[in-house]
Amino acid sequence: MKLREASADWRLDMGKTYLHWCPGCEQLHPINVEKPNHFNAVWQFNGNMESPTFTPSVNMVGRCHYTITAGSITFHTDSKHKLAGQTVPLPDIPEDM
């Protein structure tokens, strides 16, 4: 499973939120699609749980900046991990997460 809808404890009152595994940070990242987050950002989602596209880019400020398009994750060069500047398939969420 590439995406999982977040439970109430992840949503932080941001409405519908999806979680995905970030192979660069090696942790889950949330993307909200209903209400703006604390930076006033909200994302569009194509609805495909196995080959998702989210727009605009996601920026975990100071750590990880990426786009998810058609099931691939492209890390921008300002990401602070080993996958900066690379495009890789969006991995499944680990079973223990």
C-alpha atoms as a PDB file:
ATOM      1  CA  MET A   1       0.000   0.000   0.000  1.00  0.00           C
ATOM      2  CA  LYS A   2       1.517   3.310  -1.159  1.00  0.00           C
ATOM      3  CA  LEU A   3      -0.854   5.577   0.813  1.00  0.00           C
ATOM      4  CA  ARG A   4      -2.929   5.311   3.928  1.00  0.00           C
ATOM      5  CA  GLU A   5      -5.569   7.708   5.144  1.00  0.00           C
ATOM      6  CA  ALA A   6      -4.369   9.201   8.403  1.00  0.00           C
ATOM      7  CA  SER A   7      -6.119   8.539  11.676  1.00  0.00           C
ATOM      8  CA  ALA A   8      -7.352  11.423  13.843  1.00  0.00           C
ATOM      9  CA  ASP A   9      -4.069  11.690  15.784  1.00  0.00           C
ATOM     10  CA  TRP A  10      -2.148  12.477  12.545  1.00  0.00           C
ATOM     11  CA  ARG A  11      -4.660  14.913  11.070  1.00  0.00           C
ATOM     12  CA  LEU A  12      -4.180  17.710  13.602  1.00  0.00           C
ATOM     13  CA  ASP A  13      -7.526  19.167  12.507  1.00  0.00           C
ATOM     14  CA  MET A  14      -6.416  19.404   8.846  1.00  0.00           C
ATOM     15  CA  GLY A  15      -9.240  17.282   7.473  1.00  0.00           C
ATOM     16  CA  LYS A  16      -8.490  14.382   5.157  1.00  0.00           C
ATOM     17  CA  THR A  17      -4.789  13.601   5.280  1.00  0.00           C
ATOM     18  CA  TYR A  18      -2.807  10.845   3.569  1.00  0.00           C
ATOM     19  CA  LEU A  19       0.399   9.266   4.817  1.00  0.00           C
ATOM     20  CA  HIS A  20       3.186   7.865   2.658  1.00  0.00           C
ATOM     21  CA  TRP A  21       6.600   6.408   3.387  1.00  0.00           C
ATOM     22  CA  CYS A  22       9.500   8.699   2.524  1.00  0.00           C
ATOM     23  CA  PRO A  23      12.504   6.592   1.511  1.00  0.00           C
ATOM     24  CA  GLY A  24      14.814   9.584   1.947  1.00  0.00           C
ATOM     25  CA  CYS A  25      13.830  10.401   5.534  1.00  0.00           C
ATOM     26  CA  GLU A  26      12.828   6.797   6.309  1.00  0.00           C
ATOM     27  CA  GLN A  27       9.608   7.900   8.002  1.00  0.00           C
ATOM     28  CA  LEU A  28       5.962   8.652   7.283  1.00  0.00           C
ATOM     29  CA  HIS A  29       5.045  12.059   5.843  1.00  0.00           C
ATOM     30  CA  PRO A  30       1.495  13.519   5.898  1.00  0.00           C
ATOM     31  CA  ILE A  31      -0.181  15.332   3.000  1.00  0.00           C
ATOM     32  CA  ASN A  32      -3.472  17.101   3.728  1.00  0.00           C
ATOM     33  CA  VAL A  33      -6.030  17.480   0.961  1.00  0.00           C
ATOM     34  CA  GLU A  34      -8.951  19.287   2.607  1.00  0.00           C
ATOM     35  CA  LYS A  35      -7.858  22.100   4.915  1.00  0.00           C
ATOM     36  CA  PRO A  36      -4.776  24.333   4.848  1.00  0.00           C
ATOM     37  CA  ASN A  37      -1.929  23.393   7.179  1.00  0.00           C
ATOM     38  CA  HIS A  38      -0.045  25.839   9.432  1.00  0.00           C
ATOM     39  CA  PHE A  39       1.715  27.229   6.300  1.00  0.00           C
ATOM     40  CA  ASN A  40      -1.699  27.717   4.620  1.00  0.00           C
ATOM     41  CA  ALA A  41      -0.925  24.918   2.123  1.00  0.00           C
ATOM     42  CA  VAL A  42      -3.382  22.311   0.863  1.00  0.00           C
ATOM     43  CA  TRP A  43      -2.718  19.733  -1.853  1.00  0.00           C
ATOM     44  CA  GLN A  44      -4.668  18.333  -4.787  1.00  0.00           C
ATOM     45  CA  PHE A  45      -4.764  14.525  -5.080  1.00  0.00           C
ATOM     46  CA  ASN A  46      -5.671  12.440  -8.138  1.00  0.00           C
ATOM     47  CA  GLY A  47      -7.418   9.823  -5.943  1.00  0.00           C
ATOM     48  CA  ASN A  48      -5.196   6.923  -7.055  1.00  0.00           C
ATOM     49  CA  MET A  49      -3.938   5.124  -3.932  1.00  0.00           C
ATOM     50  CA  GLU A  50      -1.392   2.983  -5.844  1.00  0.00           C
ATOM     51  CA  SER A  51      -0.110   5.543  -8.362  1.00  0.00           C
ATOM     52  CA  PRO A  52      -0.758   8.876  -6.644  1.00  0.00           C
ATOM     53  CA  THR A  53      -0.112  12.397  -7.846  1.00  0.00           C
ATOM     54  CA  PHE A  54      -0.132  15.322  -5.410  1.00  0.00           C
ATOM     55  CA  THR A  55       0.284  18.972  -6.369  1.00  0.00           C
ATOM     56  CA  PRO A  56       2.002  21.242  -5.549  1.00  0.00           C
ATOM     57  CA  SER A  57       5.323  19.969  -4.187  1.00  0.00           C
ATOM     58  CA  VAL A  58       5.631  18.936  -0.538  1.00  0.00           C
ATOM     59  CA  ASN A  59       8.248  20.720   1.548  1.00  0.00           C
ATOM     60  CA  MET A  60       9.161  19.439   4.995  1.00  0.00           C
ATOM     61  CA  VAL A  61      11.012  22.702   5.575  1.00  0.00           C
ATOM     62  CA  GLY A  62      14.728  22.261   6.086  1.00  0.00           C
ATOM     63  CA  ARG A  63      14.586  18.472   5.585  1.00  0.00           C
ATOM     64  CA  CYS A  64      12.819  17.115   2.566  1.00  0.00           C
ATOM     65  CA  HIS A  65      11.290  18.702  -0.563  1.00  0.00           C
ATOM     66  CA  TYR A  66       9.638  16.558  -3.233  1.00  0.00           C
ATOM     67  CA  THR A  67       6.875  16.001  -5.743  1.00  0.00           C
ATOM     68  CA  ILE A  68       4.814  12.836  -6.123  1.00  0.00           C
ATOM     69  CA  THR A  69       3.699  12.189  -9.700  1.00  0.00           C
ATOM     70  CA  ALA A  70       2.150   8.988 -11.081  1.00  0.00           C
ATOM     71  CA  GLY A  71       3.525   6.875  -8.232  1.00  0.00           C
ATOM     72  CA  SER A  72       7.083   8.250  -8.330  1.00  0.00           C
ATOM     73  CA  ILE A  73       8.687  10.581  -5.821  1.00  0.00           C
ATOM     74  CA  THR A  74      11.129  13.190  -7.124  1.00  0.00           C
ATOM     75  CA  PHE A  75      13.312  14.730  -4.451  1.00  0.00           C
ATOM     76  CA  HIS A  76      14.324  18.317  -5.083  1.00  0.00           C
ATOM     77  CA  THR A  77      18.002  19.180  -4.725  1.00  0.00           C
ATOM     78  CA  ASP A  78      17.357  21.138  -1.498  1.00  0.00           C
ATOM     79  CA  SER A  79      16.409  17.888   0.316  1.00  0.00           C
ATOM     80  CA  LYS A  80      18.857  17.050   3.102  1.00  0.00           C
ATOM     81  CA  HIS A  81      19.265  13.307   2.522  1.00  0.00           C
ATOM     82  CA  LYS A  82      20.937  10.807   0.188  1.00  0.00           C
ATOM     83  CA  LEU A  83      18.069  10.837  -2.356  1.00  0.00           C
ATOM     84  CA  ALA A  84      18.243  14.597  -3.085  1.00  0.00           C
ATOM     85  CA  GLY A  85      17.992  15.166  -6.846  1.00  0.00           C
ATOM     86  CA  GLN A  86      16.739  11.627  -7.559  1.00  0.00           C
ATOM     87  CA  THR A  87      13.425  10.124  -8.687  1.00  0.00           C
ATOM     88  CA  VAL A  88      12.410   6.754  -7.242  1.00  0.00           C
ATOM     89  CA  PRO A  89       9.190   4.709  -7.155  1.00  0.00           C
ATOM     90  CA  LEU A  90       7.011   5.600  -4.181  1.00  0.00           C
ATOM     91  CA  PRO A  91       7.513   2.630  -1.852  1.00  0.00           C
ATOM     92  CA  ASP A  92       4.856   0.742   0.061  1.00  0.00           C
ATOM     93  CA  ILE A  93       4.311   1.809   3.658  1.00  0.00           C
ATOM     94  CA  PRO A  94       6.157  -0.662   5.909  1.00  0.00           C
ATOM     95  CA  GLU A  95       3.765  -3.119   7.545  1.00  0.00           C
ATOM     96  CA  ASP A  96       4.818  -2.125  11.055  1.00  0.00           C
ATOM     97  CA  MET A  97       3.877   1.541  10.513  1.00  0.00           C
END
